[in-house]
Amino acid sequence: SGFHGGEKPLSVRHAERAVQRQVADPLGIDVVEAASLIRSITDAEMGSTI
């Protein structure tokens, strides 16, 4: 999988590691919960923008 129409590759392993370090660890939660929070916040922000 990738970004920008598949032109930029996405490494799931690297993405998980980044979410773990930048979000999950500081909040004391697991990476799945952190990803869910990111999604919820993003959805709310996009909804309020529209």
PDB file of N, CA and C in Angstrom:
ATOM      1  N   SER A   1       0.841  -1.188   0.000  1.00  0.00           N
ATOM      2  CA  SER A   1       0.000   0.000   0.000  1.00  0.00           C
ATOM      3  C   SER A   1       0.879   1.241   0.000  1.00  0.00           C
ATOM      4  N   GLY A   2       0.287   2.364  -0.328  1.00  0.00           N
ATOM      5  CA  GLY A   2       1.082   3.570  -0.370  1.00  0.00           C
ATOM      6  C   GLY A   2       0.238   4.825  -0.373  1.00  0.00           C
ATOM      7  N   PHE A   3       0.931   5.931  -0.422  1.00  0.00           N
ATOM      8  CA  PHE A   3       0.308   7.247  -0.466  1.00  0.00           C
ATOM      9  C   PHE A   3       0.436   7.813  -1.870  1.00  0.00           C
ATOM     10  N   HIS A   4      -0.274   8.874  -2.097  1.00  0.00           N
ATOM     11  CA  HIS A   4      -0.152   9.637  -3.337  1.00  0.00           C
ATOM     12  C   HIS A   4      -0.329   8.741  -4.555  1.00  0.00           C
ATOM     13  N   GLY A   5      -1.468   8.035  -4.575  1.00  0.00           N
ATOM     14  CA  GLY A   5      -1.770   7.167  -5.707  1.00  0.00           C
ATOM     15  C   GLY A   5      -0.826   5.992  -5.838  1.00  0.00           C
ATOM     16  N   GLY A   6      -0.244   5.561  -4.732  1.00  0.00           N
ATOM     17  CA  GLY A   6       0.677   4.433  -4.747  1.00  0.00           C
ATOM     18  C   GLY A   6       2.106   4.802  -5.099  1.00  0.00           C
ATOM     19  N   GLU A   7       2.357   6.085  -5.348  1.00  0.00           N
ATOM     20  CA  GLU A   7       3.703   6.517  -5.721  1.00  0.00           C
ATOM     21  C   GLU A   7       4.665   6.539  -4.541  1.00  0.00           C
ATOM     22  N   LYS A   8       4.146   6.756  -3.355  1.00  0.00           N
ATOM     23  CA  LYS A   8       4.987   6.773  -2.155  1.00  0.00           C
ATOM     24  C   LYS A   8       4.666   5.534  -1.335  1.00  0.00           C
ATOM     25  N   PRO A   9       5.639   4.670  -1.125  1.00  0.00           N
ATOM     26  CA  PRO A   9       5.378   3.435  -0.383  1.00  0.00           C
ATOM     27  C   PRO A   9       5.094   3.699   1.096  1.00  0.00           C
ATOM     28  N   LEU A  10       4.340   2.792   1.695  1.00  0.00           N
ATOM     29  CA  LEU A  10       4.021   2.861   3.120  1.00  0.00           C
ATOM     30  C   LEU A  10       4.498   1.579   3.781  1.00  0.00           C
ATOM     31  N   SER A  11       5.329   1.712   4.779  1.00  0.00           N
ATOM     32  CA  SER A  11       5.781   0.570   5.560  1.00  0.00           C
ATOM     33  C   SER A  11       4.925   0.495   6.818  1.00  0.00           C
ATOM     34  N   VAL A  12       4.115  -0.551   6.908  1.00  0.00           N
ATOM     35  CA  VAL A  12       3.257  -0.720   8.080  1.00  0.00           C
ATOM     36  C   VAL A  12       4.111  -0.813   9.338  1.00  0.00           C
ATOM     37  N   ARG A  13       5.208  -1.533   9.261  1.00  0.00           N
ATOM     38  CA  ARG A  13       6.097  -1.683  10.419  1.00  0.00           C
ATOM     39  C   ARG A  13       6.615  -0.331  10.897  1.00  0.00           C
ATOM     40  N   HIS A  14       7.052   0.504   9.963  1.00  0.00           N
ATOM     41  CA  HIS A  14       7.562   1.826  10.347  1.00  0.00           C
ATOM     42  C   HIS A  14       6.448   2.724  10.877  1.00  0.00           C
ATOM     43  N   ALA A  15       5.275   2.635  10.279  1.00  0.00           N
ATOM     44  CA  ALA A  15       4.136   3.435  10.743  1.00  0.00           C
ATOM     45  C   ALA A  15       3.751   3.042  12.165  1.00  0.00           C
ATOM     46  N   GLU A  16       3.687   1.739  12.426  1.00  0.00           N
ATOM     47  CA  GLU A  16       3.359   1.281  13.781  1.00  0.00           C
ATOM     48  C   GLU A  16       4.395   1.753  14.784  1.00  0.00           C
ATOM     49  N   ARG A  17       5.655   1.672  14.407  1.00  0.00           N
ATOM     50  CA  ARG A  17       6.722   2.113  15.305  1.00  0.00           C
ATOM     51  C   ARG A  17       6.613   3.603  15.608  1.00  0.00           C
ATOM     52  N   ALA A  18       6.299   4.398  14.603  1.00  0.00           N
ATOM     53  CA  ALA A  18       6.160   5.846  14.800  1.00  0.00           C
ATOM     54  C   ALA A  18       4.986   6.166  15.717  1.00  0.00           C
ATOM     55  N   VAL A  19       3.850   5.509  15.503  1.00  0.00           N
ATOM     56  CA  VAL A  19       2.681   5.731  16.367  1.00  0.00           C
ATOM     57  C   VAL A  19       3.000   5.287  17.790  1.00  0.00           C
ATOM     58  N   GLN A  20       3.716   4.179  17.922  1.00  0.00           N
ATOM     59  CA  GLN A  20       4.095   3.688  19.252  1.00  0.00           C
ATOM     60  C   GLN A  20       4.936   4.728  19.985  1.00  0.00           C
ATOM     61  N   ARG A  21       5.990   5.217  19.315  1.00  0.00           N
ATOM     62  CA  ARG A  21       6.918   6.164  19.951  1.00  0.00           C
ATOM     63  C   ARG A  21       6.303   7.533  20.189  1.00  0.00           C
ATOM     64  N   GLN A  22       5.582   8.039  19.206  1.00  0.00           N
ATOM     65  CA  GLN A  22       5.110   9.419  19.262  1.00  0.00           C
ATOM     66  C   GLN A  22       3.791   9.607  20.006  1.00  0.00           C
ATOM     67  N   VAL A  23       2.965   8.561  20.051  1.00  0.00           N
ATOM     68  CA  VAL A  23       1.633   8.707  20.641  1.00  0.00           C
ATOM     69  C   VAL A  23       1.395   7.713  21.775  1.00  0.00           C
ATOM     70  N   ALA A  24       1.517   6.435  21.473  1.00  0.00           N
ATOM     71  CA  ALA A  24       1.146   5.404  22.448  1.00  0.00           C
ATOM     72  C   ALA A  24       2.006   5.452  23.713  1.00  0.00           C
ATOM     73  N   ASP A  25       3.314   5.436  23.540  1.00  0.00           N
ATOM     74  CA  ASP A  25       4.194   5.430  24.718  1.00  0.00           C
ATOM     75  C   ASP A  25       3.985   6.644  25.618  1.00  0.00           C
ATOM     76  N   PRO A  26       3.969   7.869  25.070  1.00  0.00           N
ATOM     77  CA  PRO A  26       3.751   9.023  25.943  1.00  0.00           C
ATOM     78  C   PRO A  26       2.412   8.996  26.680  1.00  0.00           C
ATOM     79  N   LEU A  27       1.388   8.388  26.055  1.00  0.00           N
ATOM     80  CA  LEU A  27       0.069   8.328  26.689  1.00  0.00           C
ATOM     81  C   LEU A  27      -0.122   7.079  27.542  1.00  0.00           C
ATOM     82  N   GLY A  28       0.818   6.149  27.477  1.00  0.00           N
ATOM     83  CA  GLY A  28       0.711   4.919  28.256  1.00  0.00           C
ATOM     84  C   GLY A  28      -0.371   3.980  27.747  1.00  0.00           C
ATOM     85  N   ILE A  29      -0.591   3.969  26.426  1.00  0.00           N
ATOM     86  CA  ILE A  29      -1.601   3.098  25.822  1.00  0.00           C
ATOM     87  C   ILE A  29      -0.941   2.243  24.743  1.00  0.00           C
ATOM     88  N   ASP A  30      -1.689   1.242  24.241  1.00  0.00           N
ATOM     89  CA  ASP A  30      -1.105   0.419  23.184  1.00  0.00           C
ATOM     90  C   ASP A  30      -1.298   1.080  21.821  1.00  0.00           C
ATOM     91  N   VAL A  31      -0.588   0.558  20.834  1.00  0.00           N
ATOM     92  CA  VAL A  31      -0.565   1.172  19.509  1.00  0.00           C
ATOM     93  C   VAL A  31      -1.936   1.133  18.831  1.00  0.00           C
ATOM     94  N   VAL A  32      -2.723   0.096  19.074  1.00  0.00           N
ATOM     95  CA  VAL A  32      -4.057   0.003  18.466  1.00  0.00           C
ATOM     96  C   VAL A  32      -4.970   1.091  19.025  1.00  0.00           C
ATOM     97  N   GLU A  33      -4.924   1.286  20.333  1.00  0.00           N
ATOM     98  CA  GLU A  33      -5.735   2.343  20.948  1.00  0.00           C
ATOM     99  C   GLU A  33      -5.275   3.720  20.466  1.00  0.00           C
ATOM    100  N   ALA A  34      -3.966   3.895  20.335  1.00  0.00           N
ATOM    101  CA  ALA A  34      -3.437   5.168  19.845  1.00  0.00           C
ATOM    102  C   ALA A  34      -3.916   5.445  18.424  1.00  0.00           C
ATOM    103  N   ALA A  35      -3.884   4.432  17.571  1.00  0.00           N
ATOM    104  CA  ALA A  35      -4.351   4.598  16.197  1.00  0.00           C
ATOM    105  C   ALA A  35      -5.837   4.947  16.167  1.00  0.00           C
ATOM    106  N   SER A  36      -6.602   4.328  17.044  1.00  0.00           N
ATOM    107  CA  SER A  36      -8.034   4.619  17.122  1.00  0.00           C
ATOM    108  C   SER A  36      -8.268   6.072  17.549  1.00  0.00           C
ATOM    109  N   LEU A  37      -7.496   6.545  18.511  1.00  0.00           N
ATOM    110  CA  LEU A  37      -7.614   7.941  18.948  1.00  0.00           C
ATOM    111  C   LEU A  37      -7.242   8.908  17.828  1.00  0.00           C
ATOM    112  N   ILE A  38      -6.179   8.580  17.099  1.00  0.00           N
ATOM    113  CA  ILE A  38      -5.769   9.419  15.972  1.00  0.00           C
ATOM    114  C   ILE A  38      -6.903   9.506  14.963  1.00  0.00           C
ATOM    115  N   ARG A  39      -7.510   8.371  14.671  1.00  0.00           N
ATOM    116  CA  ARG A  39      -8.626   8.336  13.704  1.00  0.00           C
ATOM    117  C   ARG A  39      -9.806   9.170  14.203  1.00  0.00           C
ATOM    118  N   SER A  40     -10.154   9.027  15.474  1.00  0.00           N
ATOM    119  CA  SER A  40     -11.278   9.783  16.038  1.00  0.00           C
ATOM    120  C   SER A  40     -11.033  11.284  15.983  1.00  0.00           C
ATOM    121  N   ILE A  41      -9.845  11.695  16.345  1.00  0.00           N
ATOM    122  CA  ILE A  41      -9.502  13.120  16.331  1.00  0.00           C
ATOM    123  C   ILE A  41      -9.501  13.652  14.899  1.00  0.00           C
ATOM    124  N   THR A  42      -8.925  12.890  13.985  1.00  0.00           N
ATOM    125  CA  THR A  42      -8.895  13.300  12.580  1.00  0.00           C
ATOM    126  C   THR A  42     -10.302  13.435  12.019  1.00  0.00           C
ATOM    127  N   ASP A  43     -11.153  12.450  12.296  1.00  0.00           N
ATOM    128  CA  ASP A  43     -12.541  12.510  11.823  1.00  0.00           C
ATOM    129  C   ASP A  43     -13.266  13.735  12.380  1.00  0.00           C
ATOM    130  N   ALA A  44     -13.072  14.014  13.662  1.00  0.00           N
ATOM    131  CA  ALA A  44     -13.726  15.169  14.286  1.00  0.00           C
ATOM    132  C   ALA A  44     -13.230  16.475  13.674  1.00  0.00           C
ATOM    133  N   GLU A  45     -11.934  16.579  13.458  1.00  0.00           N
ATOM    134  CA  GLU A  45     -11.366  17.794  12.863  1.00  0.00           C
ATOM    135  C   GLU A  45     -11.872  17.996  11.442  1.00  0.00           C
ATOM    136  N   MET A  46     -11.908  16.930  10.670  1.00  0.00           N
ATOM    137  CA  MET A  46     -12.387  17.045   9.290  1.00  0.00           C
ATOM    138  C   MET A  46     -13.870  17.393   9.265  1.00  0.00           C
ATOM    139  N   GLY A  47     -14.626  16.809  10.183  1.00  0.00           N
ATOM    140  CA  GLY A  47     -16.050  17.108  10.258  1.00  0.00           C
ATOM    141  C   GLY A  47     -16.314  18.558  10.598  1.00  0.00           C
ATOM    142  N   SER A  48     -15.533  19.109  11.505  1.00  0.00           N
ATOM    143  CA  SER A  48     -15.740  20.508  11.880  1.00  0.00           C
ATOM    144  C   SER A  48     -15.254  21.460  10.793  1.00  0.00           C
ATOM    145  N   THR A  49     -14.332  21.011   9.970  1.00  0.00           N
ATOM    146  CA  THR A  49     -13.829  21.830   8.869  1.00  0.00           C
ATOM    147  C   THR A  49     -14.854  21.926   7.753  1.00  0.00           C
ATOM    148  N   ILE A  50     -15.544  20.828   7.521  1.00  0.00           N
ATOM    149  CA  ILE A  50     -16.559  20.798   6.458  1.00  0.00           C
ATOM    150  C   ILE A  50     -17.764  21.523   6.961  1.00  0.00           C
TER     151      ILE A  50
END
